[in-house]
Amino acid sequence: MWRQLADALGTKAFSPQTPTLHRSFALSQAQDWPGVRDCVLGETEWWLHAPLCLRLAESAFHRRQRIEALTAWFHLCWRAPEQAAQALDRRQQPDAGMTALWQRFLDSEAGFARPGESAQPPLTAADFPAWSLLTEPGLARQLAADLPTGQTRGEEHYRCVHRWIHARRANRREEEMALRKSLQASHPALFGLLKQSV
């Protein structure tokens, strides 16, 4: 039935007003994970739509494509941080690895404030991609620095951390220090985590 519905929807463009009337939804119900991927990636600016990000993340999980799943989650974090947090908090979320990573993020954020220190702006879901790079620097070799496509603060911090990791690896001291100062000025909490990672 779901495949018949997917065929009937054909190449109908995604509409935020009717997110389930899209081929990717029907294919996800049919558990055609490669089909979901092709359908989502064929959509112009898929990363702007939370339902498409979530479908691509689920598809990537079932196809064991971690970097693709992270890419979808990161876009969701930048564009719809509250929705990303809700989805990652859900117990039904099938990707246990992402759930564990998200829980580590929440735990690190809760333990960040130290007695006697001035309160810093808290980390939010929009900071999760940059935090992920800081806690797992090897991701910077697999994820592009220009992965972001917009100008949200979360994307700026992600780019800064990504470039800092590469500058540090290449022993480009001046660039590394400039990026550290930039992150310190724009997001002290993330900078604190960067200092801990050195």
N, C-alpha and C. Protein backbone atom coordinates (compact mmCIF):
# COMPACT_ATOMS: atom_id res chain seq x y z
N MET A 1 0.82 -1.19 0.00
CA MET A 1 0.00 0.00 0.00
C MET A 1 0.87 1.26 0.00
N TRP A 2 1.94 1.24 0.87
CA TRP A 2 2.81 2.42 0.94
C TRP A 2 3.56 2.64 -0.36
N ARG A 3 3.96 1.55 -0.99
CA ARG A 3 4.67 1.69 -2.28
C ARG A 3 3.73 2.25 -3.35
N GLN A 4 2.50 1.81 -3.31
CA GLN A 4 1.51 2.35 -4.28
C GLN A 4 1.31 3.84 -4.04
N LEU A 5 1.26 4.24 -2.77
CA LEU A 5 1.11 5.66 -2.46
C LEU A 5 2.35 6.43 -2.90
N ALA A 6 3.53 5.85 -2.68
CA ALA A 6 4.77 6.50 -3.13
C ALA A 6 4.76 6.70 -4.63
N ASP A 7 4.31 5.68 -5.37
CA ASP A 7 4.22 5.80 -6.83
C ASP A 7 3.21 6.86 -7.23
N ALA A 8 2.11 6.91 -6.50
CA ALA A 8 1.07 7.90 -6.82
C ALA A 8 1.56 9.33 -6.57
N LEU A 9 2.40 9.50 -5.52
CA LEU A 9 2.92 10.84 -5.22
C LEU A 9 3.99 11.26 -6.23
N GLY A 10 4.64 10.29 -6.83
CA GLY A 10 5.62 10.56 -7.89
C GLY A 10 6.65 11.59 -7.49
N THR A 11 6.80 12.62 -8.30
CA THR A 11 7.81 13.64 -8.07
C THR A 11 7.22 14.91 -7.48
N LYS A 12 6.09 14.76 -6.82
CA LYS A 12 5.45 15.92 -6.19
C LYS A 12 6.42 16.59 -5.22
N ALA A 13 6.59 17.90 -5.33
CA ALA A 13 7.53 18.63 -4.48
C ALA A 13 7.06 18.63 -3.02
N PHE A 14 8.03 18.68 -2.12
CA PHE A 14 7.72 18.71 -0.69
C PHE A 14 7.04 20.02 -0.34
N SER A 15 6.01 19.92 0.49
CA SER A 15 5.31 21.10 0.99
C SER A 15 5.31 21.07 2.52
N PRO A 16 5.85 22.11 3.18
CA PRO A 16 5.85 22.14 4.65
C PRO A 16 4.44 22.07 5.25
N GLN A 17 3.45 22.50 4.49
CA GLN A 17 2.07 22.47 4.98
C GLN A 17 1.52 21.04 5.03
N THR A 18 2.00 20.17 4.15
CA THR A 18 1.52 18.79 4.11
C THR A 18 2.73 17.84 4.01
N PRO A 19 3.52 17.74 5.08
CA PRO A 19 4.77 16.98 5.02
C PRO A 19 4.60 15.48 4.77
N THR A 20 3.43 14.94 5.11
CA THR A 20 3.24 13.50 4.88
C THR A 20 2.79 13.19 3.46
N LEU A 21 2.40 14.21 2.71
CA LEU A 21 2.03 14.00 1.31
C LEU A 21 3.25 14.17 0.42
N HIS A 22 4.28 13.41 0.75
CA HIS A 22 5.53 13.43 0.00
C HIS A 22 6.02 12.01 -0.15
N ARG A 23 6.61 11.73 -1.27
CA ARG A 23 7.08 10.38 -1.57
C ARG A 23 8.00 9.83 -0.47
N SER A 24 8.84 10.67 0.12
CA SER A 24 9.78 10.20 1.15
C SER A 24 9.05 9.64 2.37
N PHE A 25 7.89 10.19 2.71
CA PHE A 25 7.13 9.68 3.85
C PHE A 25 6.60 8.28 3.53
N ALA A 26 6.01 8.12 2.37
CA ALA A 26 5.48 6.81 2.00
C ALA A 26 6.60 5.76 1.92
N LEU A 27 7.75 6.16 1.37
CA LEU A 27 8.87 5.23 1.27
C LEU A 27 9.41 4.87 2.65
N SER A 28 9.38 5.82 3.59
CA SER A 28 9.85 5.50 4.94
C SER A 28 8.89 4.52 5.62
N GLN A 29 7.60 4.66 5.37
CA GLN A 29 6.63 3.71 5.92
C GLN A 29 6.83 2.32 5.32
N ALA A 30 7.27 2.28 4.06
CA ALA A 30 7.55 1.00 3.40
C ALA A 30 8.94 0.47 3.74
N GLN A 31 9.70 1.26 4.50
CA GLN A 31 11.07 0.94 4.89
C GLN A 31 11.99 0.74 3.69
N ASP A 32 11.75 1.55 2.67
CA ASP A 32 12.64 1.57 1.50
C ASP A 32 13.67 2.67 1.75
N TRP A 33 14.70 2.35 2.53
CA TRP A 33 15.64 3.36 2.99
C TRP A 33 16.48 3.97 1.88
N PRO A 34 16.96 3.20 0.89
CA PRO A 34 17.66 3.84 -0.23
C PRO A 34 16.72 4.78 -1.00
N GLY A 35 15.46 4.36 -1.15
CA GLY A 35 14.48 5.22 -1.83
C GLY A 35 14.23 6.51 -1.08
N VAL A 36 14.18 6.44 0.26
CA VAL A 36 14.00 7.65 1.06
C VAL A 36 15.16 8.60 0.82
N ARG A 37 16.39 8.06 0.85
CA ARG A 37 17.57 8.89 0.63
C ARG A 37 17.50 9.60 -0.72
N ASP A 38 17.25 8.85 -1.77
CA ASP A 38 17.20 9.43 -3.11
C ASP A 38 16.13 10.50 -3.21
N CYS A 39 14.99 10.22 -2.58
CA CYS A 39 13.87 11.15 -2.64
C CYS A 39 14.19 12.45 -1.91
N VAL A 40 14.76 12.33 -0.70
CA VAL A 40 15.09 13.53 0.09
C VAL A 40 16.17 14.33 -0.60
N LEU A 41 17.25 13.67 -1.03
CA LEU A 41 18.36 14.40 -1.65
C LEU A 41 17.98 14.99 -3.00
N GLY A 42 16.93 14.47 -3.60
CA GLY A 42 16.45 15.03 -4.87
C GLY A 42 15.62 16.28 -4.67
N GLU A 43 15.28 16.59 -3.43
CA GLU A 43 14.46 17.75 -3.11
C GLU A 43 15.35 19.00 -2.98
N THR A 44 14.97 20.06 -3.66
CA THR A 44 15.73 21.30 -3.59
C THR A 44 15.75 21.82 -2.16
N GLU A 45 16.94 22.10 -1.65
CA GLU A 45 17.13 22.63 -0.30
C GLU A 45 16.40 21.80 0.77
N TRP A 46 16.61 20.50 0.73
CA TRP A 46 15.98 19.59 1.67
C TRP A 46 16.32 19.95 3.11
N TRP A 47 17.53 20.49 3.33
CA TRP A 47 18.00 20.79 4.68
C TRP A 47 17.21 21.88 5.39
N LEU A 48 16.36 22.58 4.65
CA LEU A 48 15.53 23.63 5.26
C LEU A 48 14.25 23.07 5.89
N HIS A 49 13.99 21.79 5.70
CA HIS A 49 12.73 21.20 6.14
C HIS A 49 12.99 20.08 7.17
N ALA A 50 12.53 20.30 8.39
CA ALA A 50 12.76 19.34 9.48
C ALA A 50 12.29 17.92 9.14
N PRO A 51 11.09 17.73 8.57
CA PRO A 51 10.67 16.35 8.27
C PRO A 51 11.63 15.63 7.32
N LEU A 52 12.17 16.36 6.34
CA LEU A 52 13.11 15.73 5.41
C LEU A 52 14.43 15.40 6.09
N CYS A 53 14.90 16.28 6.98
CA CYS A 53 16.12 16.00 7.74
C CYS A 53 15.93 14.74 8.57
N LEU A 54 14.80 14.64 9.24
CA LEU A 54 14.54 13.47 10.09
C LEU A 54 14.44 12.19 9.25
N ARG A 55 13.81 12.27 8.10
CA ARG A 55 13.69 11.07 7.24
C ARG A 55 15.05 10.65 6.72
N LEU A 56 15.89 11.63 6.34
CA LEU A 56 17.22 11.29 5.84
C LEU A 56 18.06 10.69 6.97
N ALA A 57 17.95 11.24 8.18
CA ALA A 57 18.70 10.69 9.32
C ALA A 57 18.29 9.25 9.59
N GLU A 58 16.99 8.97 9.57
CA GLU A 58 16.52 7.61 9.81
C GLU A 58 16.97 6.66 8.70
N SER A 59 16.88 7.14 7.47
CA SER A 59 17.32 6.33 6.33
C SER A 59 18.81 6.00 6.45
N ALA A 60 19.62 7.02 6.79
CA ALA A 60 21.06 6.81 6.91
C ALA A 60 21.37 5.82 8.04
N PHE A 61 20.64 5.92 9.14
CA PHE A 61 20.85 4.98 10.24
C PHE A 61 20.60 3.54 9.77
N HIS A 62 19.50 3.32 9.08
CA HIS A 62 19.17 1.97 8.63
C HIS A 62 20.13 1.47 7.56
N ARG A 63 20.77 2.39 6.85
CA ARG A 63 21.76 1.99 5.83
C ARG A 63 23.18 2.02 6.38
N ARG A 64 23.32 2.30 7.68
CA ARG A 64 24.62 2.36 8.36
C ARG A 64 25.55 3.39 7.74
N GLN A 65 25.01 4.56 7.49
CA GLN A 65 25.77 5.68 6.94
C GLN A 65 25.84 6.80 7.98
N ARG A 66 26.76 6.66 8.92
CA ARG A 66 26.80 7.58 10.07
C ARG A 66 27.02 9.03 9.66
N ILE A 67 27.92 9.29 8.74
CA ILE A 67 28.22 10.68 8.36
C ILE A 67 27.01 11.32 7.71
N GLU A 68 26.30 10.57 6.90
CA GLU A 68 25.08 11.11 6.29
C GLU A 68 24.02 11.40 7.36
N ALA A 69 23.93 10.51 8.35
CA ALA A 69 22.97 10.74 9.44
C ALA A 69 23.36 11.98 10.23
N LEU A 70 24.64 12.12 10.55
CA LEU A 70 25.10 13.31 11.27
C LEU A 70 24.81 14.58 10.49
N THR A 71 25.04 14.54 9.19
CA THR A 71 24.77 15.70 8.34
C THR A 71 23.30 16.11 8.46
N ALA A 72 22.41 15.14 8.38
CA ALA A 72 20.97 15.45 8.49
C ALA A 72 20.63 15.99 9.87
N TRP A 73 21.16 15.37 10.92
CA TRP A 73 20.91 15.85 12.28
C TRP A 73 21.45 17.25 12.48
N PHE A 74 22.65 17.52 11.96
CA PHE A 74 23.25 18.83 12.14
C PHE A 74 22.41 19.92 11.47
N HIS A 75 21.95 19.64 10.26
CA HIS A 75 21.08 20.63 9.60
C HIS A 75 19.82 20.87 10.42
N LEU A 76 19.26 19.80 10.98
CA LEU A 76 18.07 19.97 11.81
C LEU A 76 18.39 20.81 13.05
N CYS A 77 19.55 20.57 13.65
CA CYS A 77 19.95 21.35 14.83
C CYS A 77 20.08 22.83 14.51
N TRP A 78 20.60 23.15 13.34
CA TRP A 78 20.78 24.56 12.97
C TRP A 78 19.47 25.24 12.60
N ARG A 79 18.60 24.54 11.91
CA ARG A 79 17.38 25.16 11.39
C ARG A 79 16.20 25.09 12.36
N ALA A 80 16.15 24.00 13.14
CA ALA A 80 15.01 23.80 14.05
C ALA A 80 15.53 23.17 15.35
N PRO A 81 16.31 23.93 16.15
CA PRO A 81 16.94 23.34 17.33
C PRO A 81 15.97 22.73 18.34
N GLU A 82 14.83 23.35 18.53
CA GLU A 82 13.88 22.79 19.50
C GLU A 82 13.33 21.45 19.01
N GLN A 83 13.04 21.37 17.72
CA GLN A 83 12.53 20.12 17.15
C GLN A 83 13.62 19.04 17.19
N ALA A 84 14.87 19.44 16.94
CA ALA A 84 15.97 18.48 17.01
C ALA A 84 16.10 17.92 18.42
N ALA A 85 16.03 18.80 19.42
CA ALA A 85 16.14 18.35 20.81
C ALA A 85 15.01 17.39 21.16
N GLN A 86 13.80 17.71 20.74
CA GLN A 86 12.67 16.83 21.01
C GLN A 86 12.86 15.46 20.36
N ALA A 87 13.31 15.46 19.10
CA ALA A 87 13.50 14.19 18.38
C ALA A 87 14.61 13.36 19.03
N LEU A 88 15.70 14.01 19.45
CA LEU A 88 16.81 13.28 20.05
C LEU A 88 16.49 12.79 21.46
N ASP A 89 15.57 13.47 22.13
CA ASP A 89 15.15 13.05 23.47
C ASP A 89 14.17 11.88 23.45
N ARG A 90 13.51 11.68 22.30
CA ARG A 90 12.48 10.63 22.21
C ARG A 90 13.08 9.24 22.40
N ARG A 91 12.44 8.45 23.20
CA ARG A 91 12.91 7.09 23.42
C ARG A 91 12.74 6.22 22.17
N GLN A 92 11.79 6.57 21.30
CA GLN A 92 11.54 5.76 20.11
C GLN A 92 12.55 6.02 18.99
N GLN A 93 13.39 7.02 19.15
CA GLN A 93 14.39 7.35 18.13
C GLN A 93 15.26 6.12 17.91
N PRO A 94 15.32 5.58 16.69
CA PRO A 94 15.96 4.27 16.49
C PRO A 94 17.49 4.26 16.59
N ASP A 95 18.14 5.40 16.39
CA ASP A 95 19.60 5.45 16.37
C ASP A 95 20.14 5.61 17.79
N ALA A 96 20.44 4.51 18.43
CA ALA A 96 20.92 4.53 19.82
C ALA A 96 22.25 5.28 19.93
N GLY A 97 23.07 5.22 18.89
CA GLY A 97 24.34 5.94 18.90
C GLY A 97 24.15 7.44 18.97
N MET A 98 23.18 7.95 18.21
CA MET A 98 22.88 9.38 18.26
C MET A 98 22.29 9.76 19.61
N THR A 99 21.43 8.91 20.13
CA THR A 99 20.83 9.18 21.44
C THR A 99 21.92 9.25 22.51
N ALA A 100 22.88 8.34 22.45
CA ALA A 100 23.98 8.34 23.42
C ALA A 100 24.84 9.59 23.27
N LEU A 101 25.13 9.98 22.04
CA LEU A 101 25.92 11.20 21.79
C LEU A 101 25.18 12.42 22.32
N TRP A 102 23.88 12.48 22.08
CA TRP A 102 23.06 13.59 22.56
C TRP A 102 23.05 13.63 24.10
N GLN A 103 22.97 12.47 24.72
CA GLN A 103 22.98 12.43 26.19
C GLN A 103 24.31 12.91 26.74
N ARG A 104 25.42 12.55 26.08
CA ARG A 104 26.74 13.05 26.49
C ARG A 104 26.78 14.57 26.37
N PHE A 105 26.19 15.10 25.30
CA PHE A 105 26.11 16.55 25.11
C PHE A 105 25.35 17.19 26.27
N LEU A 106 24.20 16.63 26.61
CA LEU A 106 23.41 17.17 27.71
C LEU A 106 24.16 17.08 29.04
N ASP A 107 24.85 15.97 29.26
CA ASP A 107 25.62 15.79 30.49
C ASP A 107 26.77 16.79 30.57
N SER A 108 27.46 17.00 29.45
CA SER A 108 28.60 17.93 29.45
C SER A 108 28.12 19.36 29.69
N GLU A 109 26.97 19.69 29.14
CA GLU A 109 26.43 21.04 29.30
C GLU A 109 26.02 21.26 30.75
N ALA A 110 25.44 20.26 31.37
CA ALA A 110 24.99 20.39 32.76
C ALA A 110 26.19 20.53 33.69
N GLY A 111 27.28 19.86 33.36
CA GLY A 111 28.45 19.90 34.23
C GLY A 111 29.42 21.01 33.91
N PHE A 112 29.08 21.86 32.97
CA PHE A 112 30.03 22.87 32.53
C PHE A 112 30.22 24.00 33.53
N ALA A 113 29.14 24.46 34.17
CA ALA A 113 29.24 25.57 35.10
C ALA A 113 30.01 25.13 36.34
N ARG A 114 30.97 25.96 36.75
CA ARG A 114 31.78 25.64 37.92
C ARG A 114 31.46 26.63 39.03
N PRO A 115 31.51 26.17 40.28
CA PRO A 115 31.22 27.07 41.40
C PRO A 115 32.13 28.30 41.36
N GLY A 116 31.54 29.45 41.59
CA GLY A 116 32.30 30.69 41.62
C GLY A 116 32.52 31.34 40.26
N GLU A 117 32.22 30.62 39.18
CA GLU A 117 32.39 31.20 37.84
C GLU A 117 31.11 31.88 37.41
N SER A 118 31.27 32.92 36.62
CA SER A 118 30.09 33.61 36.11
C SER A 118 29.34 32.71 35.15
N ALA A 119 28.05 32.82 35.18
CA ALA A 119 27.22 31.98 34.31
C ALA A 119 27.46 32.36 32.85
N GLN A 120 27.59 31.35 32.01
CA GLN A 120 27.77 31.57 30.58
C GLN A 120 26.49 31.16 29.87
N PRO A 121 26.26 31.71 28.70
CA PRO A 121 25.06 31.29 27.97
C PRO A 121 25.10 29.77 27.77
N PRO A 122 23.99 29.11 28.02
CA PRO A 122 23.99 27.65 27.91
C PRO A 122 24.13 27.17 26.47
N LEU A 123 24.60 25.96 26.35
CA LEU A 123 24.64 25.33 25.03
C LEU A 123 23.22 24.93 24.67
N THR A 124 22.91 25.00 23.39
CA THR A 124 21.60 24.58 22.89
C THR A 124 21.81 23.53 21.81
N ALA A 125 20.72 23.01 21.30
CA ALA A 125 20.81 22.02 20.21
C ALA A 125 21.56 22.59 19.01
N ALA A 126 21.50 23.91 18.80
CA ALA A 126 22.21 24.52 17.67
C ALA A 126 23.73 24.40 17.84
N ASP A 127 24.19 24.17 19.07
CA ASP A 127 25.63 24.01 19.35
C ASP A 127 26.08 22.55 19.27
N PHE A 128 25.13 21.64 19.16
CA PHE A 128 25.45 20.21 19.15
C PHE A 128 26.43 19.83 18.03
N PRO A 129 26.29 20.37 16.80
CA PRO A 129 27.27 20.01 15.76
C PRO A 129 28.69 20.44 16.11
N ALA A 130 28.88 21.67 16.60
CA ALA A 130 30.23 22.13 16.97
C ALA A 130 30.76 21.31 18.14
N TRP A 131 29.91 21.04 19.13
CA TRP A 131 30.30 20.21 20.27
C TRP A 131 30.74 18.83 19.79
N SER A 132 30.02 18.26 18.83
CA SER A 132 30.36 16.94 18.30
C SER A 132 31.76 16.92 17.70
N LEU A 133 32.11 18.00 16.98
CA LEU A 133 33.46 18.08 16.42
C LEU A 133 34.51 18.17 17.53
N LEU A 134 34.22 18.94 18.57
CA LEU A 134 35.18 19.10 19.67
C LEU A 134 35.40 17.79 20.41
N THR A 135 34.35 17.00 20.57
CA THR A 135 34.48 15.74 21.31
C THR A 135 34.95 14.59 20.44
N GLU A 136 34.81 14.75 19.14
CA GLU A 136 35.24 13.70 18.20
C GLU A 136 35.91 14.38 17.00
N PRO A 137 37.14 14.91 17.19
CA PRO A 137 37.79 15.70 16.14
C PRO A 137 37.97 14.98 14.81
N GLY A 138 37.99 13.65 14.84
CA GLY A 138 38.12 12.89 13.59
C GLY A 138 36.99 13.15 12.62
N LEU A 139 35.84 13.62 13.13
CA LEU A 139 34.71 13.94 12.25
C LEU A 139 35.06 15.04 11.27
N ALA A 140 36.01 15.90 11.64
CA ALA A 140 36.39 17.01 10.76
C ALA A 140 37.04 16.51 9.47
N ARG A 141 37.51 15.27 9.48
CA ARG A 141 38.07 14.69 8.25
C ARG A 141 36.98 14.13 7.34
N GLN A 142 35.82 13.86 7.92
CA GLN A 142 34.75 13.24 7.15
C GLN A 142 33.64 14.23 6.79
N LEU A 143 33.48 15.25 7.61
CA LEU A 143 32.45 16.27 7.36
C LEU A 143 33.11 17.52 6.80
N ALA A 144 32.50 18.10 5.80
CA ALA A 144 33.07 19.29 5.17
C ALA A 144 32.91 20.52 6.06
N ALA A 145 33.86 21.44 5.97
CA ALA A 145 33.75 22.71 6.71
C ALA A 145 32.61 23.54 6.15
N ASP A 146 32.35 23.40 4.86
CA ASP A 146 31.29 24.19 4.22
C ASP A 146 29.96 23.43 4.22
N LEU A 147 29.83 22.43 5.10
CA LEU A 147 28.56 21.71 5.24
C LEU A 147 27.40 22.67 5.47
N PRO A 148 27.58 23.70 6.33
CA PRO A 148 26.48 24.64 6.53
C PRO A 148 26.15 25.39 5.24
N THR A 149 24.91 25.73 5.11
CA THR A 149 24.46 26.45 3.91
C THR A 149 23.83 27.78 4.25
N GLY A 150 23.82 28.13 5.52
CA GLY A 150 23.21 29.38 5.94
C GLY A 150 24.12 30.15 6.87
N GLN A 151 23.56 31.13 7.52
CA GLN A 151 24.36 32.00 8.37
C GLN A 151 23.87 32.02 9.82
N THR A 152 23.37 30.89 10.32
CA THR A 152 22.96 30.85 11.71
C THR A 152 24.20 30.85 12.60
N ARG A 153 24.02 31.22 13.86
CA ARG A 153 25.15 31.24 14.81
C ARG A 153 25.73 29.83 14.98
N GLY A 154 24.85 28.84 15.02
CA GLY A 154 25.32 27.47 15.16
C GLY A 154 26.24 27.06 14.02
N GLU A 155 25.89 27.47 12.80
CA GLU A 155 26.72 27.14 11.64
C GLU A 155 28.06 27.87 11.71
N GLU A 156 28.04 29.11 12.14
CA GLU A 156 29.29 29.87 12.28
C GLU A 156 30.22 29.20 13.28
N HIS A 157 29.66 28.74 14.40
CA HIS A 157 30.49 28.08 15.41
C HIS A 157 31.02 26.75 14.89
N TYR A 158 30.19 26.02 14.15
CA TYR A 158 30.63 24.76 13.55
C TYR A 158 31.82 25.01 12.62
N ARG A 159 31.69 26.02 11.74
CA ARG A 159 32.78 26.33 10.80
C ARG A 159 34.05 26.71 11.55
N CYS A 160 33.91 27.51 12.60
CA CYS A 160 35.07 27.95 13.37
C CYS A 160 35.78 26.76 14.01
N VAL A 161 35.02 25.87 14.64
CA VAL A 161 35.62 24.70 15.28
C VAL A 161 36.24 23.79 14.23
N HIS A 162 35.58 23.60 13.11
CA HIS A 162 36.10 22.74 12.03
C HIS A 162 37.44 23.27 11.53
N ARG A 163 37.50 24.57 11.28
CA ARG A 163 38.75 25.17 10.78
C ARG A 163 39.84 25.13 11.85
N TRP A 164 39.44 25.30 13.12
CA TRP A 164 40.42 25.25 14.21
C TRP A 164 41.06 23.86 14.28
N ILE A 165 40.27 22.81 14.14
CA ILE A 165 40.80 21.44 14.19
C ILE A 165 41.83 21.24 13.08
N HIS A 166 41.50 21.71 11.86
CA HIS A 166 42.44 21.53 10.75
C HIS A 166 43.68 22.40 10.92
N ALA A 167 43.52 23.62 11.42
CA ALA A 167 44.68 24.49 11.65
C ALA A 167 45.60 23.87 12.70
N ARG A 168 45.01 23.31 13.74
CA ARG A 168 45.80 22.67 14.80
C ARG A 168 46.56 21.45 14.26
N ARG A 169 45.88 20.65 13.45
CA ARG A 169 46.53 19.46 12.87
C ARG A 169 47.69 19.85 11.95
N ALA A 170 47.49 20.94 11.20
CA ALA A 170 48.51 21.38 10.23
C ALA A 170 49.58 22.27 10.88
N ASN A 171 49.47 22.47 12.20
CA ASN A 171 50.43 23.28 12.94
C ASN A 171 50.50 24.72 12.41
N ARG A 172 49.34 25.26 12.04
CA ARG A 172 49.26 26.66 11.61
C ARG A 172 48.86 27.50 12.83
N ARG A 173 49.87 27.87 13.61
CA ARG A 173 49.66 28.49 14.92
C ARG A 173 48.86 29.79 14.86
N GLU A 174 49.22 30.67 13.93
CA GLU A 174 48.52 31.96 13.85
C GLU A 174 47.03 31.78 13.58
N GLU A 175 46.72 30.93 12.61
CA GLU A 175 45.33 30.67 12.27
C GLU A 175 44.61 30.01 13.44
N GLU A 176 45.28 29.08 14.09
CA GLU A 176 44.68 28.40 15.24
C GLU A 176 44.34 29.40 16.35
N MET A 177 45.27 30.31 16.65
CA MET A 177 45.02 31.29 17.71
C MET A 177 43.91 32.26 17.32
N ALA A 178 43.87 32.67 16.07
CA ALA A 178 42.81 33.58 15.61
C ALA A 178 41.44 32.92 15.73
N LEU A 179 41.36 31.65 15.40
CA LEU A 179 40.09 30.93 15.51
C LEU A 179 39.68 30.74 16.96
N ARG A 180 40.65 30.48 17.82
CA ARG A 180 40.37 30.38 19.26
C ARG A 180 39.77 31.68 19.79
N LYS A 181 40.40 32.79 19.42
CA LYS A 181 39.92 34.11 19.88
C LYS A 181 38.52 34.40 19.34
N SER A 182 38.28 34.02 18.10
CA SER A 182 36.97 34.24 17.50
C SER A 182 35.90 33.45 18.25
N LEU A 183 36.18 32.19 18.57
CA LEU A 183 35.21 31.37 19.29
C LEU A 183 35.02 31.88 20.72
N GLN A 184 36.11 32.32 21.34
CA GLN A 184 36.01 32.85 22.70
C GLN A 184 35.10 34.07 22.75
N ALA A 185 35.21 34.92 21.73
CA ALA A 185 34.39 36.14 21.70
C ALA A 185 32.93 35.83 21.38
N SER A 186 32.69 34.85 20.51
CA SER A 186 31.33 34.60 20.06
C SER A 186 30.57 33.59 20.93
N HIS A 187 31.29 32.64 21.55
CA HIS A 187 30.60 31.62 22.35
C HIS A 187 31.53 31.10 23.45
N PRO A 188 31.59 31.79 24.60
CA PRO A 188 32.51 31.38 25.68
C PRO A 188 32.33 29.94 26.14
N ALA A 189 31.10 29.44 26.14
CA ALA A 189 30.88 28.06 26.61
C ALA A 189 31.55 27.06 25.69
N LEU A 190 31.41 27.24 24.38
CA LEU A 190 32.08 26.34 23.44
C LEU A 190 33.59 26.51 23.53
N PHE A 191 34.04 27.74 23.73
CA PHE A 191 35.48 27.96 23.87
C PHE A 191 36.01 27.20 25.09
N GLY A 192 35.25 27.18 26.17
CA GLY A 192 35.64 26.43 27.35
C GLY A 192 35.82 24.95 27.04
N LEU A 193 34.93 24.42 26.23
CA LEU A 193 35.04 23.02 25.82
C LEU A 193 36.24 22.82 24.91
N LEU A 194 36.52 23.80 24.05
CA LEU A 194 37.69 23.72 23.18
C LEU A 194 38.95 23.65 24.02
N LYS A 195 39.04 24.50 25.06
CA LYS A 195 40.22 24.49 25.93
C LYS A 195 40.38 23.13 26.61
N GLN A 196 39.27 22.51 26.99
CA GLN A 196 39.34 21.21 27.64
C GLN A 196 39.82 20.13 26.67
N SER A 197 39.56 20.33 25.36
CA SER A 197 39.90 19.31 24.37
C SER A 197 41.36 19.38 23.95
N VAL A 198 42.06 20.45 24.31
CA VAL A 198 43.46 20.63 23.88
C VAL A 198 44.38 19.78 24.75
